N, C-alpha and C. Protein backbone atom coordinates (compact mmCIF):
# COMPACT_ATOMS: atom_id res chain seq x y z
N MET A 1 25.24 -22.41 -36.36
CA MET A 1 24.34 -22.03 -35.37
C MET A 1 24.20 -22.72 -34.09
N GLY A 2 23.67 -22.32 -32.81
CA GLY A 2 23.66 -22.75 -31.64
C GLY A 2 22.80 -24.02 -31.57
N SER A 3 22.75 -24.90 -30.44
CA SER A 3 22.16 -25.86 -30.32
C SER A 3 20.85 -25.73 -29.45
N GLY A 4 20.08 -24.68 -29.36
CA GLY A 4 19.25 -24.14 -28.34
C GLY A 4 17.93 -25.18 -28.40
N SER A 5 17.22 -24.92 -27.38
CA SER A 5 16.00 -25.80 -27.27
C SER A 5 14.90 -25.15 -27.90
N ALA A 6 13.90 -26.20 -28.44
CA ALA A 6 13.08 -25.87 -29.34
C ALA A 6 11.89 -24.89 -28.42
N ILE A 7 11.78 -24.91 -27.13
CA ILE A 7 10.91 -24.34 -26.59
C ILE A 7 11.39 -22.99 -25.74
N ARG A 8 12.52 -22.67 -26.18
CA ARG A 8 13.22 -21.51 -25.77
C ARG A 8 12.33 -20.12 -26.11
N GLY A 9 12.13 -19.26 -25.19
CA GLY A 9 11.43 -18.10 -25.38
C GLY A 9 9.91 -18.40 -25.51
N SER A 10 9.37 -19.43 -24.99
CA SER A 10 8.16 -19.59 -25.20
C SER A 10 7.51 -19.84 -23.66
N ARG A 11 6.07 -19.29 -23.40
CA ARG A 11 5.95 -19.65 -22.00
C ARG A 11 4.95 -20.51 -21.75
N VAL A 12 4.60 -20.76 -20.48
CA VAL A 12 3.64 -21.81 -20.28
C VAL A 12 2.12 -21.42 -20.74
N GLY A 13 1.57 -22.35 -21.61
CA GLY A 13 -0.04 -21.92 -21.93
C GLY A 13 0.06 -21.27 -23.37
N ALA A 14 1.40 -21.08 -23.71
CA ALA A 14 1.47 -20.34 -24.96
C ALA A 14 1.16 -21.40 -26.19
N GLY A 15 0.61 -21.33 -27.18
CA GLY A 15 0.29 -22.08 -28.30
C GLY A 15 -0.77 -22.11 -29.24
N PRO A 16 -1.07 -22.81 -29.96
CA PRO A 16 -2.26 -22.53 -31.04
C PRO A 16 -3.42 -22.84 -30.54
N MET A 17 -3.37 -23.92 -29.23
CA MET A 17 -4.71 -24.18 -28.71
C MET A 17 -5.71 -23.10 -28.05
N GLY A 18 -4.95 -22.19 -27.38
CA GLY A 18 -5.64 -20.92 -26.70
C GLY A 18 -6.77 -21.37 -25.89
N GLU A 19 -7.96 -20.86 -25.87
CA GLU A 19 -9.17 -21.14 -24.91
C GLU A 19 -9.50 -22.68 -24.99
N ALA A 20 -9.35 -23.26 -26.20
CA ALA A 20 -9.92 -24.53 -26.17
C ALA A 20 -8.87 -25.46 -25.20
N GLU A 21 -7.72 -25.24 -25.02
CA GLU A 21 -7.06 -26.00 -24.28
C GLU A 21 -7.15 -25.36 -22.81
N ARG A 22 -7.27 -24.30 -22.38
CA ARG A 22 -7.43 -23.97 -21.14
C ARG A 22 -8.89 -23.67 -20.58
N GLY A 23 -9.64 -23.82 -21.55
CA GLY A 23 -11.03 -23.66 -21.14
C GLY A 23 -11.66 -22.17 -21.22
N GLU A 24 -12.78 -21.97 -20.89
CA GLU A 24 -13.34 -20.44 -21.31
C GLU A 24 -12.85 -19.54 -20.11
N ALA A 25 -12.64 -18.23 -20.54
CA ALA A 25 -12.39 -17.53 -19.25
C ALA A 25 -13.56 -17.12 -18.44
N ALA A 26 -13.41 -16.84 -17.40
CA ALA A 26 -14.48 -16.52 -16.23
C ALA A 26 -15.20 -15.26 -16.68
N PRO A 27 -16.50 -15.18 -16.36
CA PRO A 27 -17.00 -13.73 -16.73
C PRO A 27 -16.76 -12.74 -15.96
N ARG A 28 -16.52 -11.57 -16.29
CA ARG A 28 -15.84 -10.55 -15.81
C ARG A 28 -16.45 -9.33 -15.57
N VAL A 29 -16.49 -8.70 -14.70
CA VAL A 29 -17.05 -7.29 -14.65
C VAL A 29 -15.90 -6.06 -14.35
N VAL A 30 -16.07 -4.99 -15.01
CA VAL A 30 -14.94 -4.02 -14.92
C VAL A 30 -15.36 -2.83 -13.99
N ILE A 31 -14.72 -2.34 -13.12
CA ILE A 31 -15.22 -1.33 -12.24
C ILE A 31 -14.23 -0.27 -12.34
N GLY A 32 -14.57 1.03 -12.51
CA GLY A 32 -13.77 2.19 -12.38
C GLY A 32 -13.54 2.77 -11.14
N TYR A 33 -12.69 3.16 -11.01
CA TYR A 33 -12.03 3.63 -9.66
C TYR A 33 -11.46 5.09 -9.87
N TYR A 34 -11.58 6.09 -8.97
CA TYR A 34 -11.42 7.38 -9.17
C TYR A 34 -10.46 7.88 -7.85
N CYS A 35 -9.46 8.49 -7.84
CA CYS A 35 -8.72 9.10 -6.78
C CYS A 35 -8.72 10.62 -6.58
N SER A 36 -8.60 11.30 -5.45
CA SER A 36 -8.34 12.64 -5.15
C SER A 36 -7.74 13.47 -6.24
N GLU A 37 -6.82 12.83 -7.06
CA GLU A 37 -5.80 13.47 -7.77
C GLU A 37 -6.50 13.68 -9.28
N GLY A 38 -7.64 12.90 -9.54
CA GLY A 38 -8.20 12.89 -10.87
C GLY A 38 -7.90 11.75 -11.44
N HIS A 39 -7.00 10.79 -11.08
CA HIS A 39 -6.86 9.70 -11.89
C HIS A 39 -8.05 8.79 -11.90
N GLU A 40 -8.05 8.14 -13.18
CA GLU A 40 -9.34 7.09 -13.30
C GLU A 40 -8.30 5.78 -13.63
N SER A 41 -9.05 4.74 -12.84
CA SER A 41 -8.31 3.48 -13.22
C SER A 41 -9.57 2.30 -13.39
N HIS A 42 -9.26 1.24 -14.14
CA HIS A 42 -10.58 0.42 -14.51
C HIS A 42 -9.81 -1.11 -13.91
N THR A 43 -10.50 -1.61 -13.16
CA THR A 43 -10.01 -3.20 -12.54
C THR A 43 -11.05 -4.10 -12.92
N SER A 44 -10.69 -5.34 -13.34
CA SER A 44 -11.65 -6.26 -13.72
C SER A 44 -11.55 -7.30 -12.57
N PHE A 45 -13.02 -7.71 -12.09
CA PHE A 45 -13.03 -8.58 -11.09
C PHE A 45 -14.16 -9.83 -11.63
N ALA A 46 -14.06 -11.03 -11.13
CA ALA A 46 -14.72 -12.19 -11.37
C ALA A 46 -16.14 -11.74 -11.34
N HIS A 47 -17.22 -12.20 -12.04
CA HIS A 47 -18.62 -11.57 -11.92
C HIS A 47 -19.26 -11.77 -10.61
N ASP A 48 -18.88 -12.71 -9.88
CA ASP A 48 -19.56 -13.12 -8.63
C ASP A 48 -18.60 -12.72 -7.32
N ALA A 49 -17.62 -11.96 -7.69
CA ALA A 49 -16.82 -11.76 -6.60
C ALA A 49 -17.19 -10.45 -6.24
N GLU A 50 -16.68 -10.33 -4.57
CA GLU A 50 -17.13 -9.00 -3.55
C GLU A 50 -16.32 -7.90 -4.28
N ILE A 51 -16.85 -7.00 -4.55
CA ILE A 51 -16.22 -5.56 -5.33
C ILE A 51 -15.76 -4.64 -3.99
N PRO A 52 -14.44 -4.39 -4.01
CA PRO A 52 -14.01 -3.55 -2.84
C PRO A 52 -14.55 -1.94 -3.12
N VAL A 53 -14.79 -1.60 -1.84
CA VAL A 53 -15.25 0.01 -2.01
C VAL A 53 -14.03 0.69 -2.34
N GLU A 54 -12.85 0.50 -1.89
CA GLU A 54 -11.87 1.25 -2.18
C GLU A 54 -10.66 0.48 -2.91
N TRP A 55 -9.73 1.05 -3.80
CA TRP A 55 -8.74 0.30 -4.40
C TRP A 55 -7.74 1.40 -4.40
N ASP A 56 -6.58 0.83 -4.38
CA ASP A 56 -5.33 1.75 -4.44
C ASP A 56 -4.99 2.42 -5.95
N CYS A 57 -4.84 3.43 -6.07
CA CYS A 57 -4.66 4.02 -7.63
C CYS A 57 -3.40 3.62 -7.94
N PRO A 58 -3.28 3.11 -8.98
CA PRO A 58 -2.04 2.62 -9.60
C PRO A 58 -0.91 3.66 -10.17
N LYS A 59 -1.41 4.89 -10.17
CA LYS A 59 -0.45 6.11 -10.73
C LYS A 59 0.00 6.66 -9.53
N CYS A 60 -0.74 7.06 -8.48
CA CYS A 60 -0.36 7.86 -7.24
C CYS A 60 -0.25 7.05 -6.09
N GLY A 61 -1.09 5.83 -5.90
CA GLY A 61 -1.07 5.22 -4.50
C GLY A 61 -1.97 5.73 -3.63
N LEU A 62 -2.79 6.55 -3.86
CA LEU A 62 -4.07 7.43 -3.06
C LEU A 62 -5.02 6.38 -3.13
N PRO A 63 -5.98 5.96 -2.06
CA PRO A 63 -6.85 5.49 -2.23
C PRO A 63 -8.06 5.78 -3.22
N ALA A 64 -8.74 5.25 -3.79
CA ALA A 64 -9.54 5.36 -4.85
C ALA A 64 -10.78 4.81 -4.76
N GLY A 65 -11.89 5.47 -5.09
CA GLY A 65 -13.37 4.66 -4.89
C GLY A 65 -14.08 4.69 -6.07
N THR A 66 -15.16 4.39 -6.21
CA THR A 66 -16.29 4.10 -7.26
C THR A 66 -16.83 5.44 -7.66
N ASP A 67 -17.09 6.38 -6.54
CA ASP A 67 -17.64 7.63 -7.02
C ASP A 67 -16.88 8.66 -7.67
N LYS A 68 -17.02 8.80 -8.82
CA LYS A 68 -16.31 9.87 -9.50
C LYS A 68 -16.07 11.32 -8.89
N ASP A 69 -17.40 11.77 -8.50
CA ASP A 69 -17.52 13.09 -7.93
C ASP A 69 -17.11 13.05 -6.46
N ASN A 70 -17.15 12.26 -5.72
CA ASN A 70 -16.91 12.44 -4.26
C ASN A 70 -15.49 10.97 -3.95
N PRO A 71 -14.44 11.12 -4.30
CA PRO A 71 -13.54 10.32 -4.16
C PRO A 71 -13.04 10.25 -2.88
N PRO A 72 -12.48 9.12 -2.18
CA PRO A 72 -11.99 9.29 -0.84
C PRO A 72 -10.79 9.98 -0.57
N VAL A 73 -10.67 10.59 0.48
CA VAL A 73 -9.58 11.24 1.07
C VAL A 73 -8.60 10.48 1.91
N GLN A 74 -7.32 10.74 1.64
CA GLN A 74 -6.28 9.93 2.03
C GLN A 74 -6.23 10.61 3.60
N GLU A 75 -6.13 9.53 4.70
CA GLU A 75 -5.92 10.02 5.91
C GLU A 75 -4.62 10.53 6.33
N LYS A 76 -4.60 11.42 7.32
CA LYS A 76 -3.66 12.28 7.76
C LYS A 76 -2.88 11.49 8.88
N HIS A 77 -1.64 11.22 8.72
CA HIS A 77 -0.74 10.30 9.31
C HIS A 77 0.13 11.26 10.40
N ALA A 78 0.26 11.18 11.47
CA ALA A 78 0.91 11.76 12.44
C ALA A 78 2.39 11.82 12.14
N PRO A 79 3.08 12.78 11.92
CA PRO A 79 4.64 12.72 11.61
C PRO A 79 5.40 12.08 12.66
N TYR A 80 6.56 11.42 12.18
CA TYR A 80 7.39 10.52 13.07
C TYR A 80 7.95 11.07 14.27
N LYS A 81 7.67 10.56 15.45
CA LYS A 81 8.24 11.20 16.80
C LYS A 81 9.41 10.46 17.05
N THR A 82 10.42 11.24 17.78
CA THR A 82 11.70 10.66 18.38
C THR A 82 11.42 10.22 19.91
N HIS A 83 12.38 9.46 20.12
CA HIS A 83 12.22 9.12 21.60
C HIS A 83 12.06 10.17 22.64
N LEU A 84 12.87 11.14 22.34
CA LEU A 84 12.84 12.40 23.30
C LEU A 84 11.30 12.92 23.31
N ALA A 85 10.65 13.10 22.05
CA ALA A 85 9.28 13.58 22.06
C ALA A 85 8.56 12.73 22.83
N TYR A 86 8.56 11.38 22.84
CA TYR A 86 7.71 10.77 23.67
C TYR A 86 7.97 10.85 25.10
N VAL A 87 9.19 11.12 25.56
CA VAL A 87 9.82 11.19 27.11
C VAL A 87 9.05 12.62 27.25
N LYS A 88 9.06 13.57 26.34
CA LYS A 88 8.86 15.00 26.89
C LYS A 88 7.22 14.90 27.08
N GLU A 89 6.32 14.04 26.26
CA GLU A 89 4.93 13.84 26.65
C GLU A 89 4.81 13.27 27.98
N ARG A 90 5.48 12.34 28.50
CA ARG A 90 5.21 11.78 29.62
C ARG A 90 6.01 12.64 31.07
N ARG A 91 6.58 13.50 30.74
CA ARG A 91 7.18 14.10 31.84
C ARG A 91 7.18 15.67 31.74
N THR A 92 6.94 16.50 32.65
CA THR A 92 7.08 17.69 32.81
C THR A 92 8.44 18.30 32.63
N ASP A 93 8.84 19.37 32.46
CA ASP A 93 9.79 20.38 32.55
C ASP A 93 10.78 20.09 34.09
N SER A 94 9.71 20.18 34.98
CA SER A 94 10.35 20.06 36.28
C SER A 94 10.77 18.65 36.84
N GLU A 95 10.12 17.72 36.18
CA GLU A 95 10.28 16.33 36.57
C GLU A 95 11.53 16.17 35.88
N GLY A 96 11.56 16.58 34.66
CA GLY A 96 12.74 16.10 33.73
C GLY A 96 14.36 16.73 34.42
N LYS A 97 14.00 18.01 34.69
CA LYS A 97 15.14 18.70 35.51
C LYS A 97 15.41 17.90 36.79
N GLY A 98 14.45 17.47 37.56
CA GLY A 98 14.74 16.65 38.94
C GLY A 98 15.63 15.49 38.46
N LEU A 99 15.11 14.69 37.39
CA LEU A 99 15.86 13.25 37.25
C LEU A 99 17.22 13.54 36.55
N LEU A 100 17.32 14.57 35.77
CA LEU A 100 18.66 15.07 35.20
C LEU A 100 19.41 15.29 36.53
N ASP A 101 19.03 16.17 37.64
CA ASP A 101 19.78 16.46 38.57
C ASP A 101 20.37 15.40 39.50
N GLU A 102 19.50 14.15 39.68
CA GLU A 102 19.58 12.94 40.29
C GLU A 102 20.67 12.25 39.59
N ALA A 103 20.70 12.16 38.34
CA ALA A 103 21.52 11.52 37.51
C ALA A 103 22.99 12.08 37.56
N LEU A 104 23.05 13.52 37.51
CA LEU A 104 24.26 14.15 37.40
C LEU A 104 24.98 14.00 38.87
N ALA A 105 24.21 13.97 39.97
CA ALA A 105 24.60 13.76 41.26
C ALA A 105 25.40 12.57 41.54
N ARG A 106 24.57 11.35 40.92
CA ARG A 106 25.28 9.91 40.74
C ARG A 106 26.52 9.93 40.09
N VAL A 107 26.53 10.67 39.05
CA VAL A 107 27.72 10.36 38.34
C VAL A 107 28.94 11.19 38.86
N ARG A 108 28.73 12.48 39.39
CA ARG A 108 29.68 13.03 40.01
C ARG A 108 30.33 12.38 41.34
N GLY A 109 29.26 11.78 42.12
CA GLY A 109 29.50 11.10 43.15
C GLY A 109 30.69 9.79 43.09
N LYS A 110 30.49 9.55 42.09
CA LYS A 110 31.61 8.23 41.77
C LYS A 110 32.86 8.56 41.54
């Protein structure tokens, strides 16, 4: 047989003492959160902790609130814009054509 350690496979705090060794657990309050996908999750907080209004749903990641009938709606994010899209916002087509003509004239002149 192997010469393994006696504490192999055990974890810190494990043992027969339980709460007597670690002390009593803090008082807890369980809050239910509901997302717009219909998922329900329960999270426990310390009795005197500040309870958040919203919590991320562990199943879908959407924001969840404490009101089952009126869950929060996810904010709409603007799609990713390319560099060209930002340039087109700052320049009109005629300005862009003028800049392109200048650049081409410089390149052809060299």
